[in-house]
Amino acid sequence: MILLAALSALFRHEDVFSALITGAADGVRVMMKIFPALVGLLSAVYMLRASGAMDALTRACAPSLRIWGIPEEVAPLVFIPPISGSGALAALSVRLFW
């Protein structure tokens, strides 16, 4: 894939380094825009887990989840995505690795 992109730029006589620098600068600007929201959402998800609220919600909804065939362990993935998709992945990683 990288070789194909390099060959394409070579045949079109484009400045690959300039395009790389421009793309990296745009990426940093996007990251700076979304970083505060991401930190806030991940912090909120972690606080829900640490306070026990997520476990209480999971236990309260466990009978309904079992009817639909959803294991209790993945319940945070059902509850958090409406708030934050990346927060759901963070909740799963905290559950699996900590």
Protein backbone atom coordinates (compact mmCIF):
# COMPACT_ATOMS: atom_id res chain seq x y z
CA MET A 1 0.00 0.00 0.00
CA ILE A 2 2.79 2.43 0.93
CA LEU A 3 4.75 1.44 -2.18
CA LEU A 4 1.68 2.02 -4.34
CA ALA A 5 1.19 5.50 -2.85
CA ALA A 6 4.87 6.35 -3.35
CA LEU A 7 4.83 5.16 -6.97
CA SER A 8 1.64 7.10 -7.67
CA ALA A 9 3.19 10.29 -6.28
CA LEU A 10 6.36 9.67 -8.27
CA PHE A 11 4.48 9.34 -11.54
CA ARG A 12 2.39 12.46 -10.82
CA HIS A 13 5.49 14.45 -9.79
CA GLU A 14 4.04 15.42 -6.41
CA ASP A 15 5.99 16.47 -3.34
CA VAL A 16 5.36 13.54 -1.00
CA PHE A 17 7.17 15.08 1.98
CA SER A 18 5.10 18.26 1.77
CA ALA A 19 1.89 16.22 1.61
CA LEU A 20 3.04 14.19 4.62
CA ILE A 21 3.79 17.31 6.67
CA THR A 22 0.46 18.90 5.71
CA GLY A 23 -1.44 15.73 6.66
CA ALA A 24 0.39 15.44 9.97
CA ALA A 25 -0.39 19.08 10.81
CA ASP A 26 -4.07 18.51 10.01
CA GLY A 27 -4.05 15.40 12.20
CA VAL A 28 -2.60 17.32 15.13
CA ARG A 29 -5.27 20.03 14.76
CA VAL A 30 -8.04 17.41 14.79
CA MET A 31 -6.50 15.71 17.83
CA MET A 32 -6.35 19.01 19.70
CA LYS A 33 -10.05 19.59 18.98
CA ILE A 34 -11.26 16.19 20.18
CA PHE A 35 -8.79 15.58 23.02
CA PRO A 36 -10.67 17.50 25.78
CA ALA A 37 -13.94 15.73 25.00
CA LEU A 38 -12.21 12.36 24.88
CA VAL A 39 -10.51 12.92 28.24
CA GLY A 40 -13.81 14.02 29.80
CA LEU A 41 -15.75 11.05 28.47
CA LEU A 42 -13.11 8.52 29.44
CA SER A 43 -12.91 10.07 32.92
CA ALA A 44 -16.69 9.86 33.30
CA VAL A 45 -16.70 6.20 32.26
CA TYR A 46 -13.89 5.41 34.68
CA MET A 47 -15.75 7.20 37.50
CA LEU A 48 -18.87 5.15 36.75
CA ARG A 49 -16.82 1.97 36.99
CA ALA A 50 -14.92 3.04 40.12
CA SER A 51 -18.06 4.17 41.97
CA GLY A 52 -19.80 0.86 41.39
CA ALA A 53 -22.69 2.50 39.52
CA MET A 54 -21.94 0.52 36.36
CA ASP A 55 -21.89 -2.76 38.28
CA ALA A 56 -25.19 -1.88 39.98
CA LEU A 57 -26.78 -1.03 36.63
CA THR A 58 -25.45 -4.26 35.15
CA ARG A 59 -26.86 -6.34 38.02
CA ALA A 60 -30.22 -4.55 37.80
CA CYS A 61 -30.50 -5.20 34.06
CA ALA A 62 -29.00 -8.72 34.10
CA PRO A 63 -32.37 -10.54 33.84
CA SER A 64 -33.38 -8.52 30.78
CA LEU A 65 -29.96 -8.97 29.22
CA ARG A 66 -30.12 -12.74 29.72
CA ILE A 67 -33.43 -12.86 27.84
CA TRP A 68 -31.73 -11.27 24.83
CA GLY A 69 -28.71 -13.55 25.19
CA ILE A 70 -26.32 -10.78 26.23
CA PRO A 71 -23.71 -11.91 28.77
CA GLU A 72 -23.50 -9.81 31.92
CA GLU A 73 -19.80 -9.16 31.30
CA VAL A 74 -20.46 -7.15 28.13
CA ALA A 75 -23.30 -5.07 29.58
CA PRO A 76 -21.12 -1.93 29.77
CA LEU A 77 -20.78 -2.14 26.01
CA VAL A 78 -24.56 -1.95 25.76
CA PHE A 79 -24.98 1.01 28.13
CA ILE A 80 -22.06 3.29 27.27
CA PRO A 81 -22.07 3.63 23.41
CA PRO A 82 -24.97 6.10 23.42
CA ILE A 83 -22.67 8.36 25.45
CA SER A 84 -19.33 7.47 23.90
CA GLY A 85 -18.18 4.67 21.62
CA SER A 86 -14.56 5.06 22.70
CA GLY A 87 -15.73 5.16 26.31
CA ALA A 88 -17.30 1.74 25.82
CA LEU A 89 -14.00 0.37 24.62
CA ALA A 90 -12.28 1.98 27.60
CA ALA A 91 -14.78 0.36 29.95
CA LEU A 92 -14.12 -3.00 28.34
CA SER A 93 -10.35 -2.59 28.55
CA VAL A 94 -10.57 -1.57 32.22
CA ARG A 95 -12.72 -4.64 32.86
CA LEU A 96 -10.37 -7.00 31.00
CA PHE A 97 -6.95 -5.73 32.02
CA TRP A 98 -7.29 -4.17 35.47
